[in-house]
Amino acid sequence: MIHSVQYTKTHVKVADMLAKNQFPHQLKVLLSHPHIFKTGRLVNADLKYLEVACQSLTPFVGGLDLAKYAKD
């Protein structure tokens, strides 16, 4: 599960935003933008979790699972 996001040198507490139902629109736009890559291990599962948790009408896409690339 994703707990935080590094975003322009500011450590954002995602869990706090979800708990308070205060997920910023700008963050939803960033997560749903297909040309902005989100990287990490099992990042697509994290994106799906956040999409459901914040009730986004737009899918969160652009995830690149680094574990897959490390195997190649």
C-alpha atoms as a PDB file:
ATOM      1  CA  MET A   1       0.000   0.000   0.000  1.00  0.00           C
ATOM      2  CA  ILE A   2       1.243   3.478  -0.817  1.00  0.00           C
ATOM      3  CA  HIS A   3       1.700   5.765   2.173  1.00  0.00           C
ATOM      4  CA  SER A   4       3.361   8.831   0.773  1.00  0.00           C
ATOM      5  CA  VAL A   5       4.403  10.482  -2.456  1.00  0.00           C
ATOM      6  CA  GLN A   6       7.477  12.586  -3.157  1.00  0.00           C
ATOM      7  CA  TYR A   7       6.086  15.596  -4.993  1.00  0.00           C
ATOM      8  CA  THR A   8       8.184  18.667  -5.808  1.00  0.00           C
ATOM      9  CA  LYS A   9      10.375  18.326  -2.710  1.00  0.00           C
ATOM     10  CA  THR A  10       7.306  18.133  -0.470  1.00  0.00           C
ATOM     11  CA  HIS A  11       6.518  14.930   1.349  1.00  0.00           C
ATOM     12  CA  VAL A  12       2.780  14.452   0.942  1.00  0.00           C
ATOM     13  CA  LYS A  13       0.907  12.193   3.362  1.00  0.00           C
ATOM     14  CA  VAL A  14      -1.511  10.373   1.087  1.00  0.00           C
ATOM     15  CA  ALA A  15      -3.117   8.400   3.911  1.00  0.00           C
ATOM     16  CA  ASP A  16      -3.988  11.628   5.724  1.00  0.00           C
ATOM     17  CA  MET A  17      -5.570  13.100   2.600  1.00  0.00           C
ATOM     18  CA  LEU A  18      -7.647   9.975   2.037  1.00  0.00           C
ATOM     19  CA  ALA A  19      -8.746   9.828   5.675  1.00  0.00           C
ATOM     20  CA  LYS A  20      -9.894  13.444   5.535  1.00  0.00           C
ATOM     21  CA  ASN A  21     -11.432  12.979   2.070  1.00  0.00           C
ATOM     22  CA  GLN A  22      -9.203  15.825   0.837  1.00  0.00           C
ATOM     23  CA  PHE A  23      -7.484  14.317  -2.196  1.00  0.00           C
ATOM     24  CA  PRO A  24      -6.371  17.323  -4.297  1.00  0.00           C
ATOM     25  CA  HIS A  25      -7.733  17.633  -7.812  1.00  0.00           C
ATOM     26  CA  GLN A  26      -4.231  18.435  -9.105  1.00  0.00           C
ATOM     27  CA  LEU A  27      -2.936  15.132  -7.720  1.00  0.00           C
ATOM     28  CA  LYS A  28      -5.794  13.250  -9.412  1.00  0.00           C
ATOM     29  CA  VAL A  29      -4.869  14.941 -12.700  1.00  0.00           C
ATOM     30  CA  LEU A  30      -1.212  13.986 -12.246  1.00  0.00           C
ATOM     31  CA  LEU A  31      -2.049  10.359 -11.445  1.00  0.00           C
ATOM     32  CA  SER A  32      -4.444  10.022 -14.378  1.00  0.00           C
ATOM     33  CA  HIS A  33      -2.145  11.635 -16.969  1.00  0.00           C
ATOM     34  CA  PRO A  34      -0.843   8.906 -19.316  1.00  0.00           C
ATOM     35  CA  HIS A  35       2.336  10.782 -20.267  1.00  0.00           C
ATOM     36  CA  ILE A  36       3.528  11.219 -16.691  1.00  0.00           C
ATOM     37  CA  PHE A  37       5.191   7.991 -15.615  1.00  0.00           C
ATOM     38  CA  LYS A  38       4.767   6.736 -12.076  1.00  0.00           C
ATOM     39  CA  THR A  39       7.518   4.322 -11.096  1.00  0.00           C
ATOM     40  CA  GLY A  40       8.006   1.836  -8.319  1.00  0.00           C
ATOM     41  CA  ARG A  41       7.471  -1.757  -7.334  1.00  0.00           C
ATOM     42  CA  LEU A  42       3.864  -2.883  -7.887  1.00  0.00           C
ATOM     43  CA  VAL A  43       3.002   0.721  -8.716  1.00  0.00           C
ATOM     44  CA  ASN A  44      -0.072  -0.253 -10.749  1.00  0.00           C
ATOM     45  CA  ALA A  45      -1.643  -1.847  -7.672  1.00  0.00           C
ATOM     46  CA  ASP A  46      -0.969   1.371  -5.754  1.00  0.00           C
ATOM     47  CA  LEU A  47      -2.521   3.450  -8.525  1.00  0.00           C
ATOM     48  CA  LYS A  48      -5.618   1.245  -8.558  1.00  0.00           C
ATOM     49  CA  TYR A  49      -5.912   1.441  -4.763  1.00  0.00           C
ATOM     50  CA  LEU A  50      -5.720   5.252  -4.858  1.00  0.00           C
ATOM     51  CA  GLU A  51      -8.171   5.438  -7.762  1.00  0.00           C
ATOM     52  CA  VAL A  52     -10.778   3.477  -5.801  1.00  0.00           C
ATOM     53  CA  ALA A  53     -10.013   5.134  -2.450  1.00  0.00           C
ATOM     54  CA  CYS A  54     -10.526   8.655  -3.773  1.00  0.00           C
ATOM     55  CA  GLN A  55     -13.444   7.599  -5.990  1.00  0.00           C
ATOM     56  CA  SER A  56     -11.823   8.915  -9.157  1.00  0.00           C
ATOM     57  CA  LEU A  57     -13.949   8.786 -12.284  1.00  0.00           C
ATOM     58  CA  THR A  58     -10.776   8.746 -14.398  1.00  0.00           C
ATOM     59  CA  PRO A  59      -8.404   5.768 -14.221  1.00  0.00           C
ATOM     60  CA  PHE A  60      -4.934   6.349 -12.821  1.00  0.00           C
ATOM     61  CA  VAL A  61      -2.504   5.231 -15.532  1.00  0.00           C
ATOM     62  CA  GLY A  62       1.160   5.455 -16.504  1.00  0.00           C
ATOM     63  CA  GLY A  63       2.599   3.031 -13.966  1.00  0.00           C
ATOM     64  CA  LEU A  64       5.968   1.424 -14.712  1.00  0.00           C
ATOM     65  CA  ASP A  65       6.820  -1.494 -12.441  1.00  0.00           C
ATOM     66  CA  LEU A  66      10.578  -1.285 -11.882  1.00  0.00           C
ATOM     67  CA  ALA A  67      10.787  -4.940 -10.802  1.00  0.00           C
ATOM     68  CA  LYS A  68       9.754  -5.968 -14.307  1.00  0.00           C
ATOM     69  CA  TYR A  69      12.505  -3.871 -15.868  1.00  0.00           C
ATOM     70  CA  ALA A  70      15.099  -5.113 -13.385  1.00  0.00           C
ATOM     71  CA  LYS A  71      14.477  -8.687 -14.561  1.00  0.00           C
ATOM     72  CA  ASP A  72      15.017  -7.752 -18.224  1.00  0.00           C
END
